N, C-alpha and C. Protein backbone atom coordinates (compact mmCIF):
# COMPACT_ATOMS: atom_id res chain seq x y z
N MET A 1 76.80 55.24 74.66
CA MET A 1 77.15 54.94 76.02
C MET A 1 77.55 53.47 76.14
N GLU A 2 76.76 52.61 75.54
CA GLU A 2 77.00 51.18 75.69
C GLU A 2 78.36 50.76 75.15
N PHE A 3 78.80 51.40 74.07
CA PHE A 3 80.09 51.04 73.48
C PHE A 3 81.26 51.39 74.41
N TYR A 4 81.10 52.43 75.21
CA TYR A 4 82.16 52.83 76.13
C TYR A 4 82.19 51.96 77.39
N LEU A 5 81.08 51.27 77.66
CA LEU A 5 80.98 50.43 78.86
C LEU A 5 81.19 48.95 78.60
N ALA A 6 80.86 48.50 77.41
CA ALA A 6 80.84 47.07 77.11
C ALA A 6 82.24 46.44 77.19
N GLU A 7 82.33 45.39 77.95
CA GLU A 7 83.58 44.63 78.09
C GLU A 7 84.00 44.11 76.72
N GLY A 8 85.23 44.40 76.34
CA GLY A 8 85.76 43.92 75.07
C GLY A 8 85.50 44.84 73.89
N SER A 9 84.72 45.87 74.07
CA SER A 9 84.46 46.81 73.00
C SER A 9 85.74 47.57 72.68
N PRO A 10 86.03 47.81 71.39
CA PRO A 10 87.23 48.58 71.05
C PRO A 10 87.15 50.03 71.54
N LEU A 11 85.96 50.49 71.89
CA LEU A 11 85.78 51.85 72.38
C LEU A 11 85.67 51.92 73.91
N GLN A 12 85.83 50.79 74.57
CA GLN A 12 85.66 50.77 76.03
C GLN A 12 86.58 51.79 76.68
N ALA A 13 86.01 52.67 77.47
CA ALA A 13 86.75 53.74 78.12
C ALA A 13 87.53 53.20 79.31
N VAL A 14 88.76 53.66 79.43
CA VAL A 14 89.64 53.25 80.51
C VAL A 14 89.03 53.62 81.86
N ALA A 15 88.33 54.73 81.93
CA ALA A 15 87.73 55.17 83.19
C ALA A 15 86.76 54.14 83.75
N PHE A 16 86.04 53.45 82.88
CA PHE A 16 85.10 52.44 83.33
C PHE A 16 85.78 51.10 83.58
N LYS A 17 86.77 50.80 82.78
CA LYS A 17 87.42 49.50 82.84
C LYS A 17 88.32 49.36 84.07
N ASN A 18 89.07 50.39 84.40
CA ASN A 18 90.10 50.28 85.43
C ASN A 18 89.72 50.87 86.79
N ALA A 19 88.50 51.33 86.94
CA ALA A 19 88.12 51.97 88.20
C ALA A 19 86.73 51.50 88.63
N PRO A 20 86.58 50.25 89.05
CA PRO A 20 85.25 49.73 89.39
C PRO A 20 84.61 50.43 90.59
N ASP A 21 85.40 51.05 91.46
CA ASP A 21 84.84 51.71 92.64
C ASP A 21 84.72 53.22 92.49
N LYS A 22 85.08 53.74 91.34
CA LYS A 22 85.03 55.17 91.09
C LYS A 22 83.58 55.66 91.06
N GLU A 23 83.35 56.85 91.57
CA GLU A 23 82.01 57.43 91.56
C GLU A 23 81.82 58.26 90.28
N PHE A 24 80.68 58.07 89.62
CA PHE A 24 80.35 58.81 88.42
C PHE A 24 79.07 59.60 88.66
N VAL A 25 79.07 60.87 88.27
CA VAL A 25 77.88 61.71 88.32
C VAL A 25 77.56 62.09 86.89
N VAL A 26 76.35 61.76 86.45
CA VAL A 26 75.93 62.00 85.08
C VAL A 26 74.99 63.19 85.06
N LEU A 27 75.20 64.09 84.11
CA LEU A 27 74.31 65.23 84.00
C LEU A 27 74.10 65.62 82.56
N CYS A 28 73.01 66.29 82.31
CA CYS A 28 72.70 66.89 81.02
C CYS A 28 72.01 68.21 81.34
N ASN A 29 71.40 68.83 80.39
CA ASN A 29 70.81 70.13 80.65
C ASN A 29 69.60 70.07 81.57
N LEU A 30 68.66 69.17 81.31
CA LEU A 30 67.42 69.13 82.09
C LEU A 30 67.27 67.89 82.97
N GLY A 31 68.15 66.92 82.82
CA GLY A 31 68.12 65.74 83.67
C GLY A 31 67.44 64.51 83.09
N ARG A 32 66.82 64.65 81.94
CA ARG A 32 66.11 63.50 81.36
C ARG A 32 67.06 62.51 80.70
N GLN A 33 67.95 63.02 79.87
CA GLN A 33 68.89 62.14 79.18
C GLN A 33 69.88 61.52 80.17
N SER A 34 70.28 62.29 81.16
CA SER A 34 71.22 61.74 82.15
C SER A 34 70.55 60.67 83.00
N MET A 35 69.23 60.77 83.21
CA MET A 35 68.51 59.73 83.94
C MET A 35 68.58 58.41 83.17
N LEU A 36 68.38 58.47 81.86
CA LEU A 36 68.45 57.27 81.04
C LEU A 36 69.88 56.72 80.99
N ALA A 37 70.86 57.62 80.89
CA ALA A 37 72.26 57.18 80.87
C ALA A 37 72.64 56.53 82.19
N THR A 38 72.16 57.07 83.29
CA THR A 38 72.44 56.50 84.61
C THR A 38 71.86 55.09 84.71
N GLU A 39 70.63 54.92 84.25
CA GLU A 39 70.01 53.59 84.26
C GLU A 39 70.80 52.61 83.40
N THR A 40 71.24 53.05 82.23
CA THR A 40 72.02 52.19 81.34
C THR A 40 73.32 51.78 82.00
N MET A 41 74.00 52.73 82.62
CA MET A 41 75.26 52.42 83.30
C MET A 41 75.03 51.41 84.42
N GLN A 42 73.97 51.60 85.20
CA GLN A 42 73.67 50.66 86.28
C GLN A 42 73.35 49.28 85.73
N ASP A 43 72.58 49.23 84.65
CA ASP A 43 72.23 47.96 84.03
C ASP A 43 73.46 47.23 83.50
N MET A 44 74.49 48.00 83.14
CA MET A 44 75.71 47.40 82.59
C MET A 44 76.76 47.14 83.66
N GLY A 45 76.39 47.34 84.93
CA GLY A 45 77.27 46.94 86.01
C GLY A 45 78.06 48.03 86.71
N VAL A 46 77.86 49.29 86.32
CA VAL A 46 78.54 50.38 87.03
C VAL A 46 77.78 50.59 88.33
N LYS A 47 78.45 50.39 89.44
CA LYS A 47 77.76 50.38 90.73
C LYS A 47 77.59 51.77 91.35
N ASN A 48 78.57 52.60 91.21
CA ASN A 48 78.56 53.88 91.91
C ASN A 48 78.32 55.02 90.92
N VAL A 49 77.09 55.09 90.42
CA VAL A 49 76.73 56.13 89.45
C VAL A 49 75.49 56.87 89.96
N LYS A 50 75.52 58.17 89.80
CA LYS A 50 74.41 59.01 90.27
C LYS A 50 74.00 59.97 89.17
N ASN A 51 72.74 60.36 89.19
CA ASN A 51 72.19 61.32 88.25
C ASN A 51 71.98 62.65 88.97
N LEU A 52 72.38 63.74 88.33
CA LEU A 52 72.12 65.07 88.87
C LEU A 52 70.68 65.43 88.50
N VAL A 53 69.77 65.27 89.45
CA VAL A 53 68.34 65.47 89.21
C VAL A 53 68.09 66.92 88.81
N GLY A 54 67.37 67.10 87.73
CA GLY A 54 67.08 68.44 87.22
C GLY A 54 68.16 68.96 86.30
N GLY A 55 69.27 68.28 86.23
CA GLY A 55 70.35 68.63 85.32
C GLY A 55 71.05 69.93 85.62
N TYR A 56 71.78 70.38 84.63
CA TYR A 56 72.55 71.62 84.76
C TYR A 56 71.65 72.81 85.04
N ALA A 57 70.48 72.85 84.41
CA ALA A 57 69.56 73.98 84.58
C ALA A 57 69.15 74.14 86.05
N GLU A 58 68.83 73.04 86.71
CA GLU A 58 68.43 73.10 88.12
C GLU A 58 69.60 73.49 89.02
N TRP A 59 70.76 72.93 88.72
CA TRP A 59 71.96 73.25 89.49
C TRP A 59 72.28 74.74 89.37
N LYS A 60 72.15 75.28 88.17
CA LYS A 60 72.43 76.70 87.93
C LYS A 60 71.48 77.60 88.72
N LYS A 61 70.20 77.21 88.79
CA LYS A 61 69.21 77.97 89.56
C LYS A 61 69.60 78.06 91.04
N LYS A 62 70.12 76.98 91.57
CA LYS A 62 70.45 76.93 93.00
C LYS A 62 71.69 77.75 93.33
N LEU A 63 72.48 78.11 92.33
CA LEU A 63 73.66 78.91 92.55
C LEU A 63 73.31 80.37 92.77
N LYS A 64 72.14 80.77 92.32
CA LYS A 64 71.73 82.19 92.42
C LYS A 64 71.23 82.53 93.78
């Protein structure tokens, strides 16, 4: 994650570099890894990032 966010990194993703006001929603299966990724993104200066609490599994339950 850090390599895609870090200013000057050869792997820096265009989505992070050219869209400072873009909203990002991070998710994983259960919500634990996405919580850590969300914190990392916020620590690295991404302002508009949210975590899908409970992850994909919780979202899928609510669809039923």
